[in-house]
Amino acid sequence: TSGTLTKIEDEADIVTLKLYYDPRSYSVKLEAGDGTIDGGNVTEYIYGIGAALPTAEDMTYHGYVFKGWYENSDFSGEAVTAISATDTENKTYYAKWTRLYTVTVTTERGGTVSGGGTFEDGYTVTVTATANSGYRFVRWVDENDTEVSTSESYSFDLTADRVLTAEFVRNSGGGGGGGTTTPTYTNRTLSS
């Protein structure tokens, strides 16, 4: 082949070409339900870059815990944490929330109780009562003063806030630790 070479004499002969690329962007809709997105909100993403979705630290819904973003409103499949760089369509994600309930355990006297706290809906909670020396455990009663268990350790599936009270009684005769003390009676004949 043949051609002509031109010698560049000065910088004025230099031509600069710039390539402008308009990246494809897609919309993102985050359905938070009754919750709010406090930070990290995403409204769009760019092909080749992607985007991270808000985390639990970015979400608020009093009395509930955030359980992830899902592509379906029935929360089927796996939770999504980010949009990949290779995704190429508009996106809608749904926030899944799980209700939190509080279990309060109390006693007036005679022992100690444990197992209370805040738990997710459906969680199996175990509360435990431990008698002090000189007392014995009798039963657990609920917020309606209804007996729910006579076992020191009581387990149940949580579906609402609960208030449980452990009842203890003092051992007869003031004995310590376990069991009751059976009183002893002495027969006497009285003379007139």
C-alpha atoms as a PDB file:
ATOM      1  CA  THR A   1       0.000   0.000   0.000  1.00  0.00           C
ATOM      2  CA  SER A   2       1.016   3.563  -0.423  1.00  0.00           C
ATOM      3  CA  GLY A   3       0.323   6.662   1.582  1.00  0.00           C
ATOM      4  CA  THR A   4       1.608   9.981   2.635  1.00  0.00           C
ATOM      5  CA  LEU A   5       3.170  10.676   6.002  1.00  0.00           C
ATOM      6  CA  THR A   6       2.749  14.161   7.358  1.00  0.00           C
ATOM      7  CA  LYS A   7       5.203  15.482   9.833  1.00  0.00           C
ATOM      8  CA  ILE A   8       3.630  17.196  12.837  1.00  0.00           C
ATOM      9  CA  GLU A   9       5.331  20.548  13.163  1.00  0.00           C
ATOM     10  CA  ASP A  10       3.693  21.788  16.373  1.00  0.00           C
ATOM     11  CA  GLU A  11       0.986  21.007  18.908  1.00  0.00           C
ATOM     12  CA  ALA A  12      -1.613  22.867  16.861  1.00  0.00           C
ATOM     13  CA  ASP A  13      -1.579  19.980  14.395  1.00  0.00           C
ATOM     14  CA  ILE A  14      -2.592  17.454  17.111  1.00  0.00           C
ATOM     15  CA  VAL A  15      -6.250  16.515  17.183  1.00  0.00           C
ATOM     16  CA  THR A  16      -7.706  15.062  20.400  1.00  0.00           C
ATOM     17  CA  LEU A  17     -10.664  12.723  20.094  1.00  0.00           C
ATOM     18  CA  LYS A  18     -12.873  12.052  23.108  1.00  0.00           C
ATOM     19  CA  LEU A  19     -15.309   9.149  23.265  1.00  0.00           C
ATOM     20  CA  TYR A  20     -18.480   9.746  25.219  1.00  0.00           C
ATOM     21  CA  TYR A  21     -20.316   6.654  26.466  1.00  0.00           C
ATOM     22  CA  ASP A  22     -23.875   6.866  27.737  1.00  0.00           C
ATOM     23  CA  PRO A  23     -24.174   3.935  30.201  1.00  0.00           C
ATOM     24  CA  ARG A  24     -27.459   2.098  30.407  1.00  0.00           C
ATOM     25  CA  SER A  25     -29.268   2.773  33.660  1.00  0.00           C
ATOM     26  CA  TYR A  26     -32.292   0.997  35.104  1.00  0.00           C
ATOM     27  CA  SER A  27     -34.819   1.972  37.759  1.00  0.00           C
ATOM     28  CA  VAL A  28     -35.066   0.367  41.204  1.00  0.00           C
ATOM     29  CA  LYS A  29     -38.206   0.436  43.353  1.00  0.00           C
ATOM     30  CA  LEU A  30     -37.908  -0.597  46.991  1.00  0.00           C
ATOM     31  CA  GLU A  31     -41.197  -1.522  48.667  1.00  0.00           C
ATOM     32  CA  ALA A  32     -40.547  -1.143  52.409  1.00  0.00           C
ATOM     33  CA  GLY A  33     -44.145  -1.806  53.482  1.00  0.00           C
ATOM     34  CA  ASP A  34     -44.862  -0.020  56.760  1.00  0.00           C
ATOM     35  CA  GLY A  35     -41.147   0.355  57.423  1.00  0.00           C
ATOM     36  CA  THR A  36     -38.867   3.206  56.434  1.00  0.00           C
ATOM     37  CA  ILE A  37     -35.528   3.368  54.633  1.00  0.00           C
ATOM     38  CA  ASP A  38     -33.313   5.663  56.690  1.00  0.00           C
ATOM     39  CA  GLY A  39     -30.187   5.361  54.559  1.00  0.00           C
ATOM     40  CA  GLY A  40     -28.717   3.658  51.525  1.00  0.00           C
ATOM     41  CA  ASN A  41     -31.864   4.063  49.408  1.00  0.00           C
ATOM     42  CA  VAL A  42     -31.464   2.932  45.786  1.00  0.00           C
ATOM     43  CA  THR A  43     -33.581   4.352  42.946  1.00  0.00           C
ATOM     44  CA  GLU A  44     -31.471   3.225  39.967  1.00  0.00           C
ATOM     45  CA  TYR A  45     -28.400   1.271  38.982  1.00  0.00           C
ATOM     46  CA  ILE A  46     -26.013   1.311  36.031  1.00  0.00           C
ATOM     47  CA  TYR A  47     -25.177  -1.712  33.925  1.00  0.00           C
ATOM     48  CA  GLY A  48     -21.606  -2.720  34.598  1.00  0.00           C
ATOM     49  CA  ILE A  49     -21.684  -1.321  38.128  1.00  0.00           C
ATOM     50  CA  GLY A  50     -24.775  -2.662  39.936  1.00  0.00           C
ATOM     51  CA  ALA A  51     -25.822  -1.483  43.387  1.00  0.00           C
ATOM     52  CA  ALA A  52     -25.983  -2.610  47.012  1.00  0.00           C
ATOM     53  CA  LEU A  53     -29.410  -2.666  48.648  1.00  0.00           C
ATOM     54  CA  PRO A  54     -30.120  -1.143  52.100  1.00  0.00           C
ATOM     55  CA  THR A  55     -29.262  -3.370  55.058  1.00  0.00           C
ATOM     56  CA  ALA A  56     -30.997  -3.903  58.402  1.00  0.00           C
ATOM     57  CA  GLU A  57     -29.011  -0.962  59.803  1.00  0.00           C
ATOM     58  CA  ASP A  58     -30.651   1.258  57.160  1.00  0.00           C
ATOM     59  CA  MET A  59     -34.221   0.145  57.944  1.00  0.00           C
ATOM     60  CA  THR A  60     -36.714   1.031  60.695  1.00  0.00           C
ATOM     61  CA  TYR A  61     -40.074  -0.462  61.632  1.00  0.00           C
ATOM     62  CA  HIS A  62     -40.911  -0.251  65.331  1.00  0.00           C
ATOM     63  CA  GLY A  63     -41.675  -3.668  66.810  1.00  0.00           C
ATOM     64  CA  TYR A  64     -40.320  -5.552  63.796  1.00  0.00           C
ATOM     65  CA  VAL A  65     -36.981  -6.841  62.539  1.00  0.00           C
ATOM     66  CA  PHE A  66     -35.895  -6.544  58.892  1.00  0.00           C
ATOM     67  CA  LYS A  67     -35.329  -9.959  57.257  1.00  0.00           C
ATOM     68  CA  GLY A  68     -34.165  -8.991  53.774  1.00  0.00           C
ATOM     69  CA  TRP A  69     -35.217  -7.867  50.282  1.00  0.00           C
ATOM     70  CA  TYR A  70     -37.108 -10.247  48.001  1.00  0.00           C
ATOM     71  CA  GLU A  71     -38.011 -10.143  44.314  1.00  0.00           C
ATOM     72  CA  ASN A  72     -41.539 -11.393  45.076  1.00  0.00           C
ATOM     73  CA  SER A  73     -44.152  -9.982  47.425  1.00  0.00           C
ATOM     74  CA  ASP A  74     -44.720 -13.492  48.844  1.00  0.00           C
ATOM     75  CA  PHE A  75     -41.027 -13.535  49.896  1.00  0.00           C
ATOM     76  CA  SER A  76     -40.304 -16.755  48.035  1.00  0.00           C
ATOM     77  CA  GLY A  77     -36.765 -17.625  47.006  1.00  0.00           C
ATOM     78  CA  GLU A  78     -33.594 -16.202  48.468  1.00  0.00           C
ATOM     79  CA  ALA A  79     -33.100 -12.755  49.945  1.00  0.00           C
ATOM     80  CA  VAL A  80     -31.259 -10.289  47.677  1.00  0.00           C
ATOM     81  CA  THR A  81     -28.506  -8.062  49.059  1.00  0.00           C
ATOM     82  CA  ALA A  82     -27.234  -6.447  45.842  1.00  0.00           C
ATOM     83  CA  ILE A  83     -27.930  -5.947  42.139  1.00  0.00           C
ATOM     84  CA  SER A  84     -25.132  -7.470  40.072  1.00  0.00           C
ATOM     85  CA  ALA A  85     -23.132  -5.564  37.467  1.00  0.00           C
ATOM     86  CA  THR A  86     -24.556  -7.794  34.722  1.00  0.00           C
ATOM     87  CA  ASP A  87     -28.256  -7.220  35.489  1.00  0.00           C
ATOM     88  CA  THR A  88     -30.125  -5.460  32.692  1.00  0.00           C
ATOM     89  CA  GLU A  89     -33.690  -4.623  33.705  1.00  0.00           C
ATOM     90  CA  ASN A  90     -35.776  -2.480  36.026  1.00  0.00           C
ATOM     91  CA  LYS A  91     -36.086  -3.965  39.516  1.00  0.00           C
ATOM     92  CA  THR A  92     -38.661  -4.050  42.309  1.00  0.00           C
ATOM     93  CA  TYR A  93     -37.809  -5.498  45.721  1.00  0.00           C
ATOM     94  CA  TYR A  94     -40.021  -6.134  48.753  1.00  0.00           C
ATOM     95  CA  ALA A  95     -38.905  -5.782  52.372  1.00  0.00           C
ATOM     96  CA  LYS A  96     -39.696  -8.716  54.639  1.00  0.00           C
ATOM     97  CA  TRP A  97     -40.432  -7.881  58.274  1.00  0.00           C
ATOM     98  CA  THR A  98     -40.906 -10.220  61.222  1.00  0.00           C
ATOM     99  CA  ARG A  99     -42.866  -9.175  64.318  1.00  0.00           C
ATOM    100  CA  LEU A 100     -41.015  -8.933  67.620  1.00  0.00           C
ATOM    101  CA  TYR A 101     -42.612  -9.868  70.937  1.00  0.00           C
ATOM    102  CA  THR A 102     -41.531  -9.320  74.522  1.00  0.00           C
ATOM    103  CA  VAL A 103     -41.521 -11.983  77.227  1.00  0.00           C
ATOM    104  CA  THR A 104     -41.478 -10.595  80.773  1.00  0.00           C
ATOM    105  CA  VAL A 105     -40.746 -13.000  83.628  1.00  0.00           C
ATOM    106  CA  THR A 106     -41.334 -12.029  87.252  1.00  0.00           C
ATOM    107  CA  THR A 107     -41.672 -13.414  90.739  1.00  0.00           C
ATOM    108  CA  GLU A 108     -42.597 -11.833  94.047  1.00  0.00           C
ATOM    109  CA  ARG A 109     -40.374 -13.848  96.354  1.00  0.00           C
ATOM    110  CA  GLY A 110     -38.883 -17.255  96.956  1.00  0.00           C
ATOM    111  CA  GLY A 111     -36.695 -17.655  93.874  1.00  0.00           C
ATOM    112  CA  THR A 112     -35.256 -16.287  90.663  1.00  0.00           C
ATOM    113  CA  VAL A 113     -36.447 -16.395  87.061  1.00  0.00           C
ATOM    114  CA  SER A 114     -34.722 -16.215  83.679  1.00  0.00           C
ATOM    115  CA  GLY A 115     -35.477 -16.468  79.968  1.00  0.00           C
ATOM    116  CA  GLY A 116     -37.287 -13.190  79.346  1.00  0.00           C
ATOM    117  CA  GLY A 117     -36.438 -10.827  76.512  1.00  0.00           C
ATOM    118  CA  THR A 118     -37.427  -9.801  72.993  1.00  0.00           C
ATOM    119  CA  PHE A 119     -37.833 -12.517  70.373  1.00  0.00           C
ATOM    120  CA  GLU A 120     -39.112 -13.021  66.831  1.00  0.00           C
ATOM    121  CA  ASP A 121     -42.632 -14.246  66.130  1.00  0.00           C
ATOM    122  CA  GLY A 122     -42.771 -18.051  66.292  1.00  0.00           C
ATOM    123  CA  TYR A 123     -39.562 -18.404  68.315  1.00  0.00           C
ATOM    124  CA  THR A 124     -39.563 -21.166  70.934  1.00  0.00           C
ATOM    125  CA  VAL A 125     -38.909 -19.498  74.280  1.00  0.00           C
ATOM    126  CA  THR A 126     -37.882 -21.322  77.462  1.00  0.00           C
ATOM    127  CA  VAL A 127     -38.295 -19.635  80.834  1.00  0.00           C
ATOM    128  CA  THR A 128     -36.798 -21.098  83.995  1.00  0.00           C
ATOM    129  CA  ALA A 129     -37.619 -20.714  87.674  1.00  0.00           C
ATOM    130  CA  THR A 130     -35.120 -21.552  90.428  1.00  0.00           C
ATOM    131  CA  ALA A 131     -36.255 -21.765  94.049  1.00  0.00           C
ATOM    132  CA  ASN A 132     -34.258 -20.161  96.845  1.00  0.00           C
ATOM    133  CA  SER A 133     -33.207 -22.109  99.880  1.00  0.00           C
ATOM    134  CA  GLY A 134     -36.246 -22.703 102.022  1.00  0.00           C
ATOM    135  CA  TYR A 135     -38.696 -22.423  99.114  1.00  0.00           C
ATOM    136  CA  ARG A 136     -40.068 -24.646  96.375  1.00  0.00           C
ATOM    137  CA  PHE A 137     -41.452 -23.833  92.956  1.00  0.00           C
ATOM    138  CA  VAL A 138     -45.208 -24.273  92.477  1.00  0.00           C
ATOM    139  CA  ARG A 139     -46.220 -23.063  89.008  1.00  0.00           C
ATOM    140  CA  TRP A 140     -46.045 -20.514  86.187  1.00  0.00           C
ATOM    141  CA  VAL A 141     -49.078 -18.278  85.660  1.00  0.00           C
ATOM    142  CA  ASP A 142     -49.657 -15.938  82.701  1.00  0.00           C
ATOM    143  CA  GLU A 143     -50.874 -12.366  82.373  1.00  0.00           C
ATOM    144  CA  ASN A 144     -54.455 -13.567  82.974  1.00  0.00           C
ATOM    145  CA  ASP A 145     -53.418 -15.357  86.178  1.00  0.00           C
ATOM    146  CA  THR A 146     -53.994 -18.677  84.426  1.00  0.00           C
ATOM    147  CA  GLU A 147     -51.716 -21.596  85.237  1.00  0.00           C
ATOM    148  CA  VAL A 148     -49.623 -22.543  82.200  1.00  0.00           C
ATOM    149  CA  SER A 149     -47.069 -24.951  83.665  1.00  0.00           C
ATOM    150  CA  THR A 150     -45.996 -26.677  86.853  1.00  0.00           C
ATOM    151  CA  SER A 151     -42.483 -27.369  85.550  1.00  0.00           C
ATOM    152  CA  GLU A 152     -39.585 -25.149  86.509  1.00  0.00           C
ATOM    153  CA  SER A 153     -38.634 -24.902  82.817  1.00  0.00           C
ATOM    154  CA  TYR A 154     -41.525 -23.918  80.581  1.00  0.00           C
ATOM    155  CA  SER A 155     -41.203 -23.780  76.755  1.00  0.00           C
ATOM    156  CA  PHE A 156     -43.695 -22.308  74.302  1.00  0.00           C
ATOM    157  CA  ASP A 157     -43.910 -20.885  70.776  1.00  0.00           C
ATOM    158  CA  LEU A 158     -44.169 -17.112  70.891  1.00  0.00           C
ATOM    159  CA  THR A 159     -47.142 -15.494  69.102  1.00  0.00           C
ATOM    160  CA  ALA A 160     -47.778 -12.455  71.328  1.00  0.00           C
ATOM    161  CA  ASP A 161     -46.299 -10.465  74.197  1.00  0.00           C
ATOM    162  CA  ARG A 162     -46.272 -12.551  77.370  1.00  0.00           C
ATOM    163  CA  VAL A 163     -46.021 -11.814  81.090  1.00  0.00           C
ATOM    164  CA  LEU A 164     -45.222 -14.909  83.142  1.00  0.00           C
ATOM    165  CA  THR A 165     -44.958 -15.085  86.909  1.00  0.00           C
ATOM    166  CA  ALA A 166     -43.260 -17.877  88.835  1.00  0.00           C
ATOM    167  CA  GLU A 167     -44.901 -18.758  92.142  1.00  0.00           C
ATOM    168  CA  PHE A 168     -42.922 -20.211  95.035  1.00  0.00           C
ATOM    169  CA  VAL A 169     -43.983 -21.275  98.507  1.00  0.00           C
ATOM    170  CA  ARG A 170     -41.977 -21.569 101.674  1.00  0.00           C
ATOM    171  CA  ASN A 171     -41.186 -25.102 102.739  1.00  0.00           C
ATOM    172  CA  SER A 172     -43.064 -26.243 105.825  1.00  0.00           C
ATOM    173  CA  GLY A 173     -40.899 -25.986 108.926  1.00  0.00           C
ATOM    174  CA  GLY A 174     -38.452 -23.672 107.138  1.00  0.00           C
ATOM    175  CA  GLY A 175     -36.315 -26.464 105.697  1.00  0.00           C
ATOM    176  CA  GLY A 176     -33.840 -25.626 102.978  1.00  0.00           C
ATOM    177  CA  GLY A 177     -33.480 -26.434  99.337  1.00  0.00           C
ATOM    178  CA  GLY A 178     -35.727 -29.116  98.000  1.00  0.00           C
ATOM    179  CA  GLY A 179     -38.992 -30.748  98.914  1.00  0.00           C
ATOM    180  CA  THR A 180     -41.350 -30.051 101.711  1.00  0.00           C
ATOM    181  CA  THR A 181     -40.918 -30.887 105.361  1.00  0.00           C
ATOM    182  CA  THR A 182     -43.744 -32.999 106.794  1.00  0.00           C
ATOM    183  CA  PRO A 183     -44.775 -31.742 110.215  1.00  0.00           C
ATOM    184  CA  THR A 184     -44.690 -34.233 113.149  1.00  0.00           C
ATOM    185  CA  TYR A 185     -47.590 -34.431 115.596  1.00  0.00           C
ATOM    186  CA  THR A 186     -47.388 -35.871 119.137  1.00  0.00           C
ATOM    187  CA  ASN A 187     -50.497 -37.270 120.833  1.00  0.00           C
ATOM    188  CA  ARG A 188     -50.907 -36.255 124.459  1.00  0.00           C
ATOM    189  CA  THR A 189     -53.439 -37.346 127.008  1.00  0.00           C
ATOM    190  CA  LEU A 190     -54.691 -34.586 129.190  1.00  0.00           C
ATOM    191  CA  SER A 191     -55.627 -35.447 132.790  1.00  0.00           C
ATOM    192  CA  SER A 192     -58.430 -33.682 134.562  1.00  0.00           C
END
